[in-house]
Amino acid sequence: MPGRSFDERLWAFDRWTRRLVGNLRDAVCPWCSSTVSHELSVEDSTDSSAESDGVLGPFVAAFAAFAPSFIFIVAMFPHVARVRDNPQVRAALVGINAAVVGAILGATVSLAQEAIIDPLTAALAVVTFVLFVRGVQAVTLILGGGVVGIGAFYLL
């Protein structure tokens, strides 16, 4: 961050870290790191000599957050393929799958508490859930939710 003192950079990082630290319990560290890096790079882009438009930082942060998982999966795949017929490994994978579903449900509840703020968002959440269970693609539902949100903004 050219043109800013160390204390100013540290203060900005501390401010964004404190703002986002509540989300760490929801396992959204990649989101936190991307948001912090974006905000710091946007704040820094007010300097006329800055070459960043606030995009490179979040990409680097997201890559750093997700790359280890992908590398681990690719590296472990040959070993898992050899032992997946082992009854103990199969039992462990059943338990892991159940734990992952529980973690996803926990994150869903936490996100729902933030996202469902009025009767419209509650109705949209229920309709989206029903349509998803009936096989409508997630991308379609997300885009539809965006259209409903824009429509509500202009009509309500």
Protein backbone atom coordinates (compact mmCIF):
# COMPACT_ATOMS: atom_id res chain seq x y z
CA MET A 1 0.00 0.00 0.00
CA PRO A 2 2.18 2.77 -1.25
CA GLY A 3 1.83 6.21 0.25
CA ARG A 4 0.47 5.00 3.58
CA SER A 5 2.35 4.54 6.81
CA PHE A 6 2.63 1.20 8.52
CA ASP A 7 0.35 2.42 11.32
CA GLU A 8 -2.35 3.47 8.82
CA ARG A 9 -2.21 0.09 7.07
CA LEU A 10 -2.30 -1.76 10.39
CA TRP A 11 -5.25 0.33 11.57
CA ALA A 12 -7.19 -0.38 8.33
CA PHE A 13 -6.47 -4.11 8.58
CA ASP A 14 -7.48 -4.15 12.25
CA ARG A 15 -10.71 -2.28 11.48
CA TRP A 16 -11.75 -4.78 8.78
CA THR A 17 -10.63 -7.77 10.81
CA ARG A 18 -12.76 -6.64 13.75
CA ARG A 19 -15.73 -6.08 11.45
CA LEU A 20 -15.48 -9.57 10.01
CA VAL A 21 -14.27 -11.59 12.99
CA GLY A 22 -17.85 -12.53 13.91
CA ASN A 23 -18.10 -14.45 10.66
CA LEU A 24 -15.09 -16.62 11.44
CA ARG A 25 -17.27 -18.92 13.53
CA ASP A 26 -19.33 -19.62 10.41
CA ALA A 27 -16.34 -21.00 8.51
CA VAL A 28 -16.24 -18.20 5.98
CA CYS A 29 -12.56 -17.38 6.34
CA PRO A 30 -12.09 -17.25 2.54
CA TRP A 31 -14.86 -14.66 2.36
CA CYS A 32 -13.27 -12.70 5.19
CA SER A 33 -9.84 -12.73 3.61
CA SER A 34 -11.24 -11.73 0.22
CA THR A 35 -13.32 -8.92 1.69
CA VAL A 36 -10.47 -7.56 3.80
CA SER A 37 -8.05 -7.65 0.88
CA HIS A 38 -10.63 -6.01 -1.40
CA GLU A 39 -11.40 -3.22 1.06
CA LEU A 40 -7.74 -2.54 1.70
CA SER A 41 -6.94 -2.47 -2.01
CA VAL A 42 -9.93 -0.21 -2.76
CA GLU A 43 -8.90 2.15 0.03
CA ASP A 44 -5.41 2.11 -1.40
CA SER A 45 -6.59 2.72 -4.98
CA THR A 46 -7.48 6.31 -4.08
CA ASP A 47 -3.77 6.95 -4.47
CA SER A 48 -3.24 8.06 -8.08
CA SER A 49 -0.09 5.96 -8.39
CA ALA A 50 -1.92 2.76 -7.39
CA GLU A 51 -2.21 0.27 -10.23
CA SER A 52 -4.75 -1.99 -8.49
CA ASP A 53 -8.46 -1.52 -9.01
CA GLY A 54 -9.33 -3.63 -5.99
CA VAL A 55 -9.63 -6.91 -7.90
CA LEU A 56 -6.24 -8.59 -7.64
CA GLY A 57 -6.24 -8.75 -3.82
CA PRO A 58 -9.47 -10.76 -3.51
CA PHE A 59 -8.33 -13.17 -6.24
CA VAL A 60 -5.05 -13.79 -4.47
CA ALA A 61 -6.82 -14.19 -1.11
CA ALA A 62 -9.40 -16.59 -2.55
CA PHE A 63 -6.69 -18.61 -4.29
CA ALA A 64 -4.67 -18.80 -1.07
CA ALA A 65 -7.76 -19.88 0.87
CA PHE A 66 -8.99 -22.55 -1.55
CA ALA A 67 -5.82 -23.87 -3.21
CA PRO A 68 -4.67 -26.00 -0.25
CA SER A 69 -7.97 -27.91 -0.28
CA PHE A 70 -7.72 -28.65 -3.98
CA ILE A 71 -4.07 -29.65 -3.70
CA PHE A 72 -4.91 -31.96 -0.78
CA ILE A 73 -7.75 -33.60 -2.73
CA VAL A 74 -5.62 -34.14 -5.84
CA ALA A 75 -2.70 -35.47 -3.80
CA MET A 76 -4.82 -37.83 -1.68
CA PHE A 77 -7.09 -39.20 -4.42
CA PRO A 78 -4.85 -42.12 -5.44
CA HIS A 79 -4.48 -43.20 -1.80
CA VAL A 80 -8.19 -42.93 -1.03
CA ALA A 81 -9.05 -44.94 -4.15
CA ARG A 82 -6.87 -47.79 -2.85
CA VAL A 83 -8.39 -47.93 0.64
CA ARG A 84 -12.02 -47.01 0.05
CA ASP A 85 -13.08 -50.68 0.06
CA ASN A 86 -11.71 -51.04 3.59
CA PRO A 87 -14.70 -51.34 6.01
CA GLN A 88 -13.10 -49.00 8.56
CA VAL A 89 -12.44 -46.34 5.93
CA ARG A 90 -16.01 -46.68 4.63
CA ALA A 91 -17.36 -46.22 8.17
CA ALA A 92 -15.18 -43.13 8.63
CA LEU A 93 -16.41 -41.68 5.32
CA VAL A 94 -20.03 -42.22 6.39
CA GLY A 95 -19.32 -40.28 9.57
CA ILE A 96 -17.48 -37.56 7.65
CA ASN A 97 -20.40 -37.19 5.23
CA ALA A 98 -22.82 -36.80 8.12
CA ALA A 99 -20.58 -34.20 9.77
CA VAL A 100 -20.34 -32.24 6.51
CA VAL A 101 -24.13 -32.21 6.16
CA GLY A 102 -24.40 -30.95 9.74
CA ALA A 103 -21.85 -28.20 9.09
CA ILE A 104 -23.69 -27.12 5.95
CA LEU A 105 -26.99 -27.02 7.84
CA GLY A 106 -25.37 -24.99 10.61
CA ALA A 107 -24.00 -22.49 8.10
CA THR A 108 -27.41 -22.36 6.41
CA VAL A 109 -29.15 -21.48 9.66
CA SER A 110 -26.57 -18.79 10.39
CA LEU A 111 -26.90 -17.30 6.90
CA ALA A 112 -30.70 -17.47 7.06
CA GLN A 113 -30.71 -15.43 10.26
CA GLU A 114 -28.90 -12.67 8.39
CA ALA A 115 -30.70 -12.96 5.06
CA ILE A 116 -34.35 -13.36 6.08
CA ILE A 117 -35.20 -9.88 7.26
CA ASP A 118 -38.83 -9.34 6.22
CA PRO A 119 -41.89 -11.20 4.88
CA LEU A 120 -40.67 -10.93 1.28
CA THR A 121 -37.31 -12.56 1.99
CA ALA A 122 -39.03 -15.22 4.13
CA ALA A 123 -41.45 -16.05 1.30
CA LEU A 124 -38.61 -16.06 -1.22
CA ALA A 125 -36.61 -18.46 0.97
CA VAL A 126 -39.55 -20.86 1.29
CA VAL A 127 -40.38 -20.77 -2.43
CA THR A 128 -36.72 -21.25 -3.33
CA PHE A 129 -36.44 -24.24 -1.01
CA VAL A 130 -39.55 -25.88 -2.46
CA LEU A 131 -38.39 -25.31 -6.03
CA PHE A 132 -34.91 -26.62 -5.24
CA VAL A 133 -36.32 -29.80 -3.70
CA ARG A 134 -38.41 -30.25 -6.87
CA GLY A 135 -35.29 -30.15 -9.02
CA VAL A 136 -34.96 -26.56 -10.23
CA GLN A 137 -31.31 -25.71 -10.85
CA ALA A 138 -29.59 -23.57 -8.22
CA VAL A 139 -28.35 -21.06 -10.80
CA THR A 140 -31.92 -20.48 -11.98
CA LEU A 141 -33.08 -19.93 -8.41
CA ILE A 142 -30.25 -17.51 -7.65
CA LEU A 143 -30.90 -15.47 -10.78
CA GLY A 144 -34.63 -15.53 -10.04
CA GLY A 145 -33.97 -14.27 -6.53
CA GLY A 146 -31.96 -11.41 -8.01
CA VAL A 147 -34.81 -10.52 -10.34
CA VAL A 148 -37.30 -10.58 -7.46
CA GLY A 149 -34.97 -8.38 -5.37
CA ILE A 150 -34.59 -5.83 -8.15
CA GLY A 151 -38.34 -5.88 -8.78
CA ALA A 152 -39.06 -5.36 -5.09
CA PHE A 153 -36.59 -2.47 -4.98
CA TYR A 154 -38.42 -0.62 -7.76
CA LEU A 155 -41.98 -1.63 -6.87
CA LEU A 156 -42.04 -1.53 -3.08
